[in-house]
Amino acid sequence: MMKKELVPLALGGLAIGTTEFVMMGLLPDIANGMGISIPIAGHLISAYALGVVVGAPILVALSAKFQAKYILITLMLMFTIFNFLSTISPDYYTLMLSRFLSGLPHGAFFGVGTVVASKLVKEGKSAQAIASMFTGLTVAIVAMVPLVTYLGHNLDWRYAFAIVSLLGVITIVSLYKYLPMQEPLRTVTFKEELEFFKTIKAWHILLIVSIGFGGLFAWFSYIAPLMIHISNFSANSVSYLMIIAGLGMFTGNIIGGKLADKKDPIKVSIVLLFLMVIALILVFFLSENKIISIILTFICGALAMSISSPINMIMLTNAKKSQMLGAAFIQSAFNVANSLGALFGGIPLLLGFSYNYASLVGALMALFGLLLCILFLKRYQH
């Protein structure tokens, strides 16, 4: 049972997860509504990701000396206002700006929330508390995104962002009512906080996320054409298959949190990335079988999300004086992984290879992340 103090953080994850992933399903509707092509509409996804990368460190730097509760409320207020701007955007360029602005508080909210969640529970339960916050993200993928996509497709795509704005309001009320007051999270100056990010160790951790986790996105970015053209599912089945991937992520998120509390997070990450390499190779070879394809969709989703808590714990453990900034940078790295996975996964497709080759690229990226984890273990943990 989730502690009530963690519920506001999970609600924030639900709202953020919904606005991030609903774009994929609504691209044709937005393109049609705005009178633009689908590839041009796809830039709206990139604009959001860029907002996350830019906003995470900047907003954390500006806000860290304040009370954590009020930081989170302010970030969610920004999130709500900018998503509502998407609802009323009159043209493509205004919508592009609103998507960029909507992404700004994303990484900062999860960055601050990660540290807050770890301090709300007793020692030895931090990773599970962090996983509780990301439960909202997985619930968004399983339930909220399909629902909001359906409403946006059948009514108007603008309703999707109106619902996200409503979720933002609910989160703000929940934060105010249930999140306890804590001491300011920064105990050092911002200059001192930045010291950790002048080390190779810090960028080693971020590179593990950017490359290793990118293996997931090389597979996930092209899951729809993979299922349609390789596994021979109908286009109407894709939304149900996405729910299966989401259920895997929900399960993996819980398992990853428990493992990271019981075992060394870097060793947990090594095992999970090794399993991800194997799973993505199996996707490459066995996706023509529908039953196996469904099973692998669940497994890949589970392995992908299970890495989230261990990676966050690695950063929190090593960035002693800059935990909040470190957690925010992790969110930026996840979005870099999203971009790199989609970019590298698309290369064999541009060269004329079939859609299962994207998962082979994903396996290579996950393998590189695995090697980086092993190097980190040998170099920094004897």
Protein backbone atom coordinates (compact mmCIF):
# COMPACT_ATOMS: atom_id res chain seq x y z
CA MET A 1 0.00 0.00 0.00
CA MET A 2 1.44 3.37 -1.02
CA LYS A 3 1.99 5.91 1.76
CA LYS A 4 -0.44 8.82 1.39
CA GLU A 5 2.51 11.26 1.41
CA LEU A 6 3.75 9.63 -1.82
CA VAL A 7 0.36 9.86 -3.59
CA PRO A 8 0.85 13.51 -4.75
CA LEU A 9 4.16 12.53 -6.38
CA ALA A 10 2.50 9.58 -8.14
CA LEU A 11 -0.29 11.91 -9.36
CA GLY A 12 2.36 14.24 -10.76
CA GLY A 13 3.91 11.26 -12.56
CA LEU A 14 0.46 10.40 -13.96
CA ALA A 15 -0.06 13.91 -15.34
CA ILE A 16 3.46 14.17 -16.78
CA GLY A 17 3.36 10.67 -18.27
CA THR A 18 0.02 11.40 -19.93
CA THR A 19 1.14 14.60 -21.65
CA GLU A 20 4.46 13.04 -22.75
CA PHE A 21 3.10 9.86 -24.33
CA VAL A 22 -0.35 10.95 -25.58
CA MET A 23 1.32 12.92 -28.39
CA MET A 24 2.34 9.71 -30.19
CA GLY A 25 -1.27 8.57 -30.59
CA LEU A 26 -2.69 12.00 -31.47
CA LEU A 27 -0.11 13.08 -34.08
CA PRO A 28 -2.42 12.36 -37.07
CA ASP A 29 -5.29 14.28 -35.42
CA ILE A 30 -3.08 17.27 -34.57
CA ALA A 31 -1.55 17.25 -38.05
CA ASN A 32 -5.02 17.23 -39.61
CA GLY A 33 -6.32 19.90 -37.24
CA MET A 34 -3.36 22.20 -37.83
CA GLY A 35 -3.13 21.52 -41.56
CA ILE A 36 0.42 20.18 -41.39
CA SER A 37 2.12 16.89 -42.24
CA ILE A 38 2.66 14.14 -39.66
CA PRO A 39 6.49 14.49 -39.77
CA ILE A 40 6.15 18.23 -39.08
CA ALA A 41 3.72 17.45 -36.24
CA GLY A 42 6.37 15.05 -34.91
CA HIS A 43 8.52 18.09 -34.09
CA LEU A 44 6.06 18.77 -31.26
CA ILE A 45 7.40 15.62 -29.53
CA SER A 46 10.97 16.86 -29.98
CA ALA A 47 9.99 20.30 -28.62
CA TYR A 48 8.71 18.70 -25.40
CA ALA A 49 11.85 16.58 -25.01
CA LEU A 50 14.03 19.65 -25.55
CA GLY A 51 12.04 21.44 -22.85
CA VAL A 52 12.79 18.61 -20.43
CA VAL A 53 16.53 18.68 -21.17
CA VAL A 54 16.74 22.48 -20.83
CA GLY A 55 14.36 22.91 -17.90
CA ALA A 56 15.57 20.21 -15.52
CA PRO A 57 18.92 21.70 -14.43
CA ILE A 58 17.88 25.36 -14.77
CA LEU A 59 14.70 25.13 -12.68
CA VAL A 60 16.39 23.01 -10.03
CA ALA A 61 19.22 25.55 -9.82
CA LEU A 62 16.76 28.42 -9.40
CA SER A 63 14.51 26.75 -6.85
CA ALA A 64 16.59 24.41 -4.69
CA LYS A 65 16.96 26.80 -1.73
CA PHE A 66 13.18 26.92 -1.23
CA GLN A 67 10.90 24.52 0.64
CA ALA A 68 10.48 21.32 -1.38
CA LYS A 69 6.69 21.30 -1.06
CA TYR A 70 6.38 24.76 -2.60
CA ILE A 71 8.91 23.96 -5.32
CA LEU A 72 6.78 20.99 -6.44
CA ILE A 73 3.56 23.03 -6.31
CA THR A 74 5.15 25.79 -8.40
CA LEU A 75 6.48 23.32 -10.95
CA MET A 76 3.09 21.65 -11.27
CA LEU A 77 1.42 25.06 -11.60
CA MET A 78 3.75 25.82 -14.54
CA PHE A 79 2.99 22.41 -16.01
CA THR A 80 -0.78 23.01 -15.74
CA ILE A 81 -0.71 26.49 -17.26
CA PHE A 82 1.50 25.50 -20.21
CA ASN A 83 -0.59 22.40 -20.98
CA PHE A 84 -3.72 24.55 -20.93
CA LEU A 85 -1.95 26.82 -23.42
CA SER A 86 -1.74 23.77 -25.71
CA THR A 87 -5.53 23.46 -25.42
CA ILE A 88 -6.12 26.98 -26.76
CA SER A 89 -3.16 27.29 -29.16
CA PRO A 90 -4.46 28.89 -32.37
CA ASP A 91 -1.62 27.74 -34.66
CA TYR A 92 1.29 25.32 -35.00
CA TYR A 93 3.96 27.71 -33.75
CA THR A 94 2.04 28.58 -30.58
CA LEU A 95 1.49 24.87 -29.99
CA MET A 96 5.21 24.21 -30.54
CA LEU A 97 6.06 26.87 -27.94
CA SER A 98 3.52 25.50 -25.46
CA ARG A 99 4.93 21.97 -25.82
CA PHE A 100 8.45 23.26 -25.17
CA LEU A 101 7.25 25.17 -22.11
CA SER A 102 5.27 22.14 -20.89
CA GLY A 103 8.47 20.10 -20.90
CA LEU A 104 10.42 22.59 -18.75
CA PRO A 105 9.05 21.46 -15.34
CA HIS A 106 9.05 17.73 -16.21
CA GLY A 107 12.63 16.87 -15.22
CA ALA A 108 12.71 19.30 -12.31
CA PHE A 109 9.52 17.79 -10.83
CA PHE A 110 10.91 14.26 -11.02
CA GLY A 111 14.31 15.49 -9.82
CA VAL A 112 12.92 17.18 -6.71
CA GLY A 113 10.33 14.42 -6.28
CA THR A 114 13.03 11.72 -6.33
CA VAL A 115 14.87 13.31 -3.40
CA VAL A 116 11.64 14.08 -1.52
CA ALA A 117 10.37 10.51 -1.96
CA SER A 118 13.65 9.05 -0.66
CA LYS A 119 13.35 11.17 2.50
CA LEU A 120 9.70 10.26 3.18
CA VAL A 121 10.53 6.64 4.04
CA LYS A 122 12.86 4.85 6.44
CA GLU A 123 16.35 3.79 5.41
CA GLY A 124 16.41 0.82 3.04
CA LYS A 125 13.12 1.76 1.33
CA SER A 126 14.28 4.71 -0.78
CA ALA A 127 14.25 2.94 -4.16
CA GLN A 128 10.74 1.61 -3.55
CA ALA A 129 9.59 5.14 -2.64
CA ILE A 130 11.07 6.45 -5.90
CA ALA A 131 9.35 3.60 -7.75
CA SER A 132 6.05 4.69 -6.14
CA MET A 133 6.41 8.10 -7.77
CA PHE A 134 7.09 6.51 -11.16
CA THR A 135 4.03 4.27 -10.68
CA GLY A 136 2.01 7.27 -11.88
CA LEU A 137 4.05 7.29 -15.08
CA THR A 138 3.36 3.60 -15.73
CA VAL A 139 -0.36 3.97 -14.95
CA ALA A 140 -0.43 6.79 -17.50
CA ILE A 141 0.96 4.44 -20.17
CA VAL A 142 -1.38 1.57 -19.24
CA ALA A 143 -4.66 3.42 -18.74
CA MET A 144 -4.66 7.20 -19.05
CA VAL A 145 -2.88 7.54 -22.40
CA PRO A 146 -5.20 5.07 -24.22
CA LEU A 147 -8.27 6.77 -22.67
CA VAL A 148 -7.15 10.31 -23.43
CA THR A 149 -6.04 9.28 -26.94
CA TYR A 150 -9.49 7.79 -27.58
CA LEU A 151 -11.25 10.95 -26.39
CA GLY A 152 -8.88 13.20 -28.32
CA HIS A 153 -9.34 11.16 -31.51
CA ASN A 154 -13.14 10.94 -31.32
CA LEU A 155 -13.91 14.41 -29.95
CA ASP A 156 -11.06 16.87 -30.44
CA TRP A 157 -7.31 16.54 -29.77
CA ARG A 158 -7.50 19.67 -27.60
CA TYR A 159 -9.54 17.75 -25.03
CA ALA A 160 -6.46 15.64 -24.32
CA PHE A 161 -4.51 18.63 -23.03
CA ALA A 162 -7.55 19.92 -21.15
CA ILE A 163 -7.63 16.59 -19.27
CA VAL A 164 -3.89 16.84 -18.59
CA SER A 165 -4.46 20.35 -17.19
CA LEU A 166 -7.16 18.95 -14.91
CA LEU A 167 -4.76 16.27 -13.70
CA GLY A 168 -2.30 19.06 -12.96
CA VAL A 169 -4.87 20.88 -10.81
CA ILE A 170 -5.65 17.66 -8.90
CA THR A 171 -1.93 17.16 -8.30
CA ILE A 172 -1.49 20.70 -6.98
CA VAL A 173 -4.35 20.22 -4.49
CA SER A 174 -2.94 16.86 -3.44
CA LEU A 175 0.57 18.30 -2.96
CA TYR A 176 -0.80 21.09 -0.79
CA LYS A 177 -2.94 18.76 1.30
CA TYR A 178 -0.82 15.62 1.74
CA LEU A 179 2.86 16.40 1.16
CA PRO A 180 4.54 17.24 4.48
CA MET A 181 6.89 20.17 4.91
CA GLN A 182 10.59 19.31 4.71
CA GLU A 183 13.83 21.16 5.20
CA PRO A 184 15.19 22.86 2.05
CA LEU A 185 16.87 20.13 0.03
CA ARG A 186 20.02 22.08 -0.80
CA THR A 187 22.61 22.11 1.99
CA VAL A 188 25.43 23.58 -0.11
CA THR A 189 25.81 26.47 -2.54
CA PHE A 190 24.94 25.93 -6.19
CA LYS A 191 28.63 26.30 -7.06
CA GLU A 192 29.45 23.46 -4.65
CA GLU A 193 26.56 21.44 -6.06
CA LEU A 194 28.01 21.75 -9.54
CA GLU A 195 31.37 20.33 -8.41
CA PHE A 196 30.15 16.74 -8.81
CA PHE A 197 29.27 17.43 -12.44
CA LYS A 198 32.84 18.45 -13.16
CA THR A 199 33.84 14.83 -12.56
CA ILE A 200 34.01 11.97 -15.06
CA LYS A 201 32.02 9.87 -12.59
CA ALA A 202 28.90 12.04 -12.93
CA TRP A 203 28.96 11.95 -16.73
CA HIS A 204 29.66 8.23 -16.65
CA ILE A 205 26.32 7.72 -14.87
CA LEU A 206 24.49 9.99 -17.33
CA LEU A 207 26.10 8.20 -20.29
CA ILE A 208 24.83 4.85 -18.96
CA VAL A 209 21.29 6.29 -19.07
CA SER A 210 21.64 8.10 -22.41
CA ILE A 211 23.06 5.07 -24.27
CA GLY A 212 21.86 2.03 -22.31
CA PHE A 213 18.30 3.24 -21.81
CA GLY A 214 18.31 4.41 -25.43
CA GLY A 215 18.16 0.71 -26.32
CA LEU A 216 14.60 0.64 -25.00
CA PHE A 217 13.57 3.60 -27.17
CA ALA A 218 15.15 2.10 -30.30
CA TRP A 219 12.63 -0.73 -29.83
CA PHE A 220 9.70 1.27 -28.39
CA SER A 221 9.82 4.09 -30.96
CA TYR A 222 9.05 1.62 -33.77
CA ILE A 223 6.85 -0.85 -31.89
CA ALA A 224 3.74 -0.05 -33.96
CA PRO A 225 5.25 -0.81 -37.42
CA LEU A 226 7.10 -3.79 -35.88
CA MET A 227 3.83 -5.30 -34.69
CA ILE A 228 1.96 -4.52 -37.91
CA HIS A 229 4.57 -5.45 -40.53
CA ILE A 230 6.63 -8.15 -38.77
CA SER A 231 4.23 -9.73 -36.26
CA ASN A 232 1.27 -9.23 -38.64
CA PHE A 233 -1.13 -7.71 -36.11
CA SER A 234 -3.84 -5.40 -37.41
CA ALA A 235 -3.39 -1.65 -36.96
CA ASN A 236 -6.38 -1.68 -34.58
CA SER A 237 -4.52 -4.09 -32.28
CA VAL A 238 -1.62 -1.71 -31.62
CA SER A 239 -3.38 0.18 -28.80
CA TYR A 240 -3.96 -3.11 -26.95
CA LEU A 241 -0.34 -4.14 -27.46
CA MET A 242 0.75 -0.79 -26.03
CA ILE A 243 -1.28 -1.60 -22.92
CA ILE A 244 0.64 -4.89 -22.62
CA ALA A 245 3.92 -2.95 -22.82
CA GLY A 246 2.55 -0.56 -20.20
CA LEU A 247 1.60 -3.43 -17.88
CA GLY A 248 5.15 -4.71 -18.25
CA MET A 249 6.48 -1.27 -17.30
CA PHE A 250 4.17 -1.13 -14.28
CA THR A 251 5.41 -4.54 -13.11
CA GLY A 252 9.06 -3.78 -13.84
CA ASN A 253 8.88 -0.47 -11.96
CA ILE A 254 7.82 -2.27 -8.76
CA ILE A 255 10.38 -5.06 -9.16
CA GLY A 256 13.21 -2.61 -9.90
CA GLY A 257 12.44 -0.62 -6.75
CA LYS A 258 12.52 -3.73 -4.55
CA LEU A 259 15.74 -5.04 -6.12
CA ALA A 260 17.55 -1.70 -5.76
CA ASP A 261 16.73 -1.58 -2.03
CA LYS A 262 17.96 -5.12 -1.42
CA LYS A 263 21.01 -5.26 -3.69
CA ASP A 264 23.72 -2.92 -4.97
CA PRO A 265 21.95 -0.71 -7.58
CA ILE A 266 24.87 -0.86 -10.05
CA LYS A 267 24.87 -4.67 -9.91
CA VAL A 268 21.09 -4.68 -10.36
CA SER A 269 21.51 -2.41 -13.41
CA ILE A 270 24.13 -4.76 -14.89
CA VAL A 271 21.79 -7.76 -14.60
CA LEU A 272 18.80 -5.84 -16.00
CA LEU A 273 20.73 -4.43 -18.95
CA PHE A 274 22.11 -7.90 -19.72
CA LEU A 275 18.55 -9.26 -19.76
CA MET A 276 17.46 -6.33 -21.95
CA VAL A 277 20.17 -7.19 -24.50
CA ILE A 278 18.92 -10.79 -24.63
CA ALA A 279 15.25 -9.73 -24.86
CA LEU A 280 15.88 -7.27 -27.72
CA ILE A 281 17.86 -9.89 -29.64
CA LEU A 282 14.91 -12.27 -29.21
CA VAL A 283 12.61 -9.53 -30.56
CA PHE A 284 14.84 -9.35 -33.65
CA PHE A 285 14.71 -13.11 -34.29
CA LEU A 286 11.25 -14.15 -33.03
CA SER A 287 8.84 -11.25 -33.67
CA GLU A 288 7.17 -13.09 -36.57
CA ASN A 289 5.48 -15.37 -33.99
CA LYS A 290 2.49 -13.47 -32.57
CA ILE A 291 2.39 -15.21 -29.19
CA ILE A 292 6.12 -14.81 -28.59
CA SER A 293 5.89 -11.20 -29.79
CA ILE A 294 3.24 -10.41 -27.15
CA ILE A 295 5.31 -12.06 -24.41
CA LEU A 296 8.44 -10.16 -25.46
CA THR A 297 6.49 -6.88 -25.52
CA PHE A 298 5.62 -7.40 -21.85
CA ILE A 299 9.17 -8.50 -20.94
CA CYS A 300 10.86 -5.59 -22.72
CA GLY A 301 8.49 -3.13 -21.07
CA ALA A 302 9.22 -4.67 -17.66
CA LEU A 303 13.00 -4.63 -18.14
CA ALA A 304 12.97 -1.06 -19.43
CA MET A 305 11.12 0.43 -16.46
CA SER A 306 12.84 -1.75 -13.86
CA ILE A 307 16.11 0.12 -14.51
CA SER A 308 14.64 3.51 -13.51
CA SER A 309 14.89 3.17 -9.71
CA PRO A 310 18.37 1.54 -9.63
CA ILE A 311 19.79 4.28 -11.90
CA ASN A 312 18.27 7.01 -9.73
CA MET A 313 19.71 5.33 -6.63
CA ILE A 314 23.18 5.20 -8.25
CA MET A 315 22.99 8.97 -8.79
CA LEU A 316 21.63 9.72 -5.29
CA THR A 317 24.32 7.54 -3.68
CA ASN A 318 27.19 9.14 -5.57
CA ALA A 319 25.99 12.76 -5.78
CA LYS A 320 25.91 13.28 -2.02
CA LYS A 321 25.92 17.09 -2.12
CA SER A 322 23.96 17.49 -5.35
CA GLN A 323 21.23 14.85 -5.21
CA MET A 324 18.42 17.03 -6.54
CA LEU A 325 20.45 18.37 -9.46
CA GLY A 326 21.67 14.84 -10.13
CA ALA A 327 18.14 13.44 -10.20
CA ALA A 328 17.11 16.27 -12.56
CA PHE A 329 20.04 15.51 -14.87
CA ILE A 330 18.93 11.86 -14.89
CA GLN A 331 15.58 12.98 -16.33
CA SER A 332 17.41 14.99 -18.99
CA ALA A 333 19.49 11.89 -19.78
CA PHE A 334 16.33 9.77 -20.15
CA ASN A 335 15.07 12.22 -22.78
CA VAL A 336 18.43 12.18 -24.55
CA ALA A 337 18.04 8.38 -24.56
CA ASN A 338 14.60 8.82 -26.11
CA SER A 339 16.03 10.94 -28.93
CA LEU A 340 19.11 8.78 -29.54
CA GLY A 341 17.10 5.54 -29.49
CA ALA A 342 14.65 6.85 -32.08
CA LEU A 343 17.50 8.29 -34.18
CA PHE A 344 19.77 5.22 -34.20
CA GLY A 345 16.86 2.77 -34.36
CA GLY A 346 15.65 4.52 -37.50
CA ILE A 347 18.96 4.24 -39.38
CA PRO A 348 18.52 0.63 -40.61
CA LEU A 349 14.94 1.49 -41.61
CA LEU A 350 16.18 4.37 -43.75
CA LEU A 351 18.62 1.93 -45.36
CA GLY A 352 15.74 -0.34 -46.34
CA PHE A 353 15.99 -3.03 -43.65
CA SER A 354 12.86 -4.40 -41.97
CA TYR A 355 11.38 -3.01 -38.74
CA ASN A 356 12.84 -5.71 -36.47
CA TYR A 357 16.31 -4.29 -37.12
CA ALA A 358 15.47 -1.35 -34.82
CA SER A 359 15.45 -3.78 -31.88
CA LEU A 360 18.87 -5.10 -32.96
CA VAL A 361 20.20 -1.53 -32.75
CA GLY A 362 18.50 -1.34 -29.34
CA ALA A 363 20.34 -4.48 -28.23
CA LEU A 364 23.68 -2.92 -29.25
CA MET A 365 22.88 0.27 -27.33
CA ALA A 366 21.84 -1.73 -24.25
CA LEU A 367 25.07 -3.75 -24.58
CA PHE A 368 27.10 -0.54 -24.61
CA GLY A 369 25.20 0.59 -21.49
CA LEU A 370 25.97 -2.77 -19.89
CA LEU A 371 29.69 -2.38 -20.59
CA LEU A 372 29.59 1.13 -19.12
CA CYS A 373 27.94 -0.28 -15.97
CA ILE A 374 30.63 -2.96 -15.61
CA LEU A 375 33.34 -0.32 -16.08
CA PHE A 376 31.65 1.87 -13.42
CA LEU A 377 31.60 -1.06 -11.00
CA LYS A 378 35.28 -1.84 -11.55
CA ARG A 379 36.40 1.77 -11.47
CA TYR A 380 34.41 3.20 -8.56
CA GLN A 381 33.19 0.25 -6.44
CA HIS A 382 35.89 -2.20 -5.42
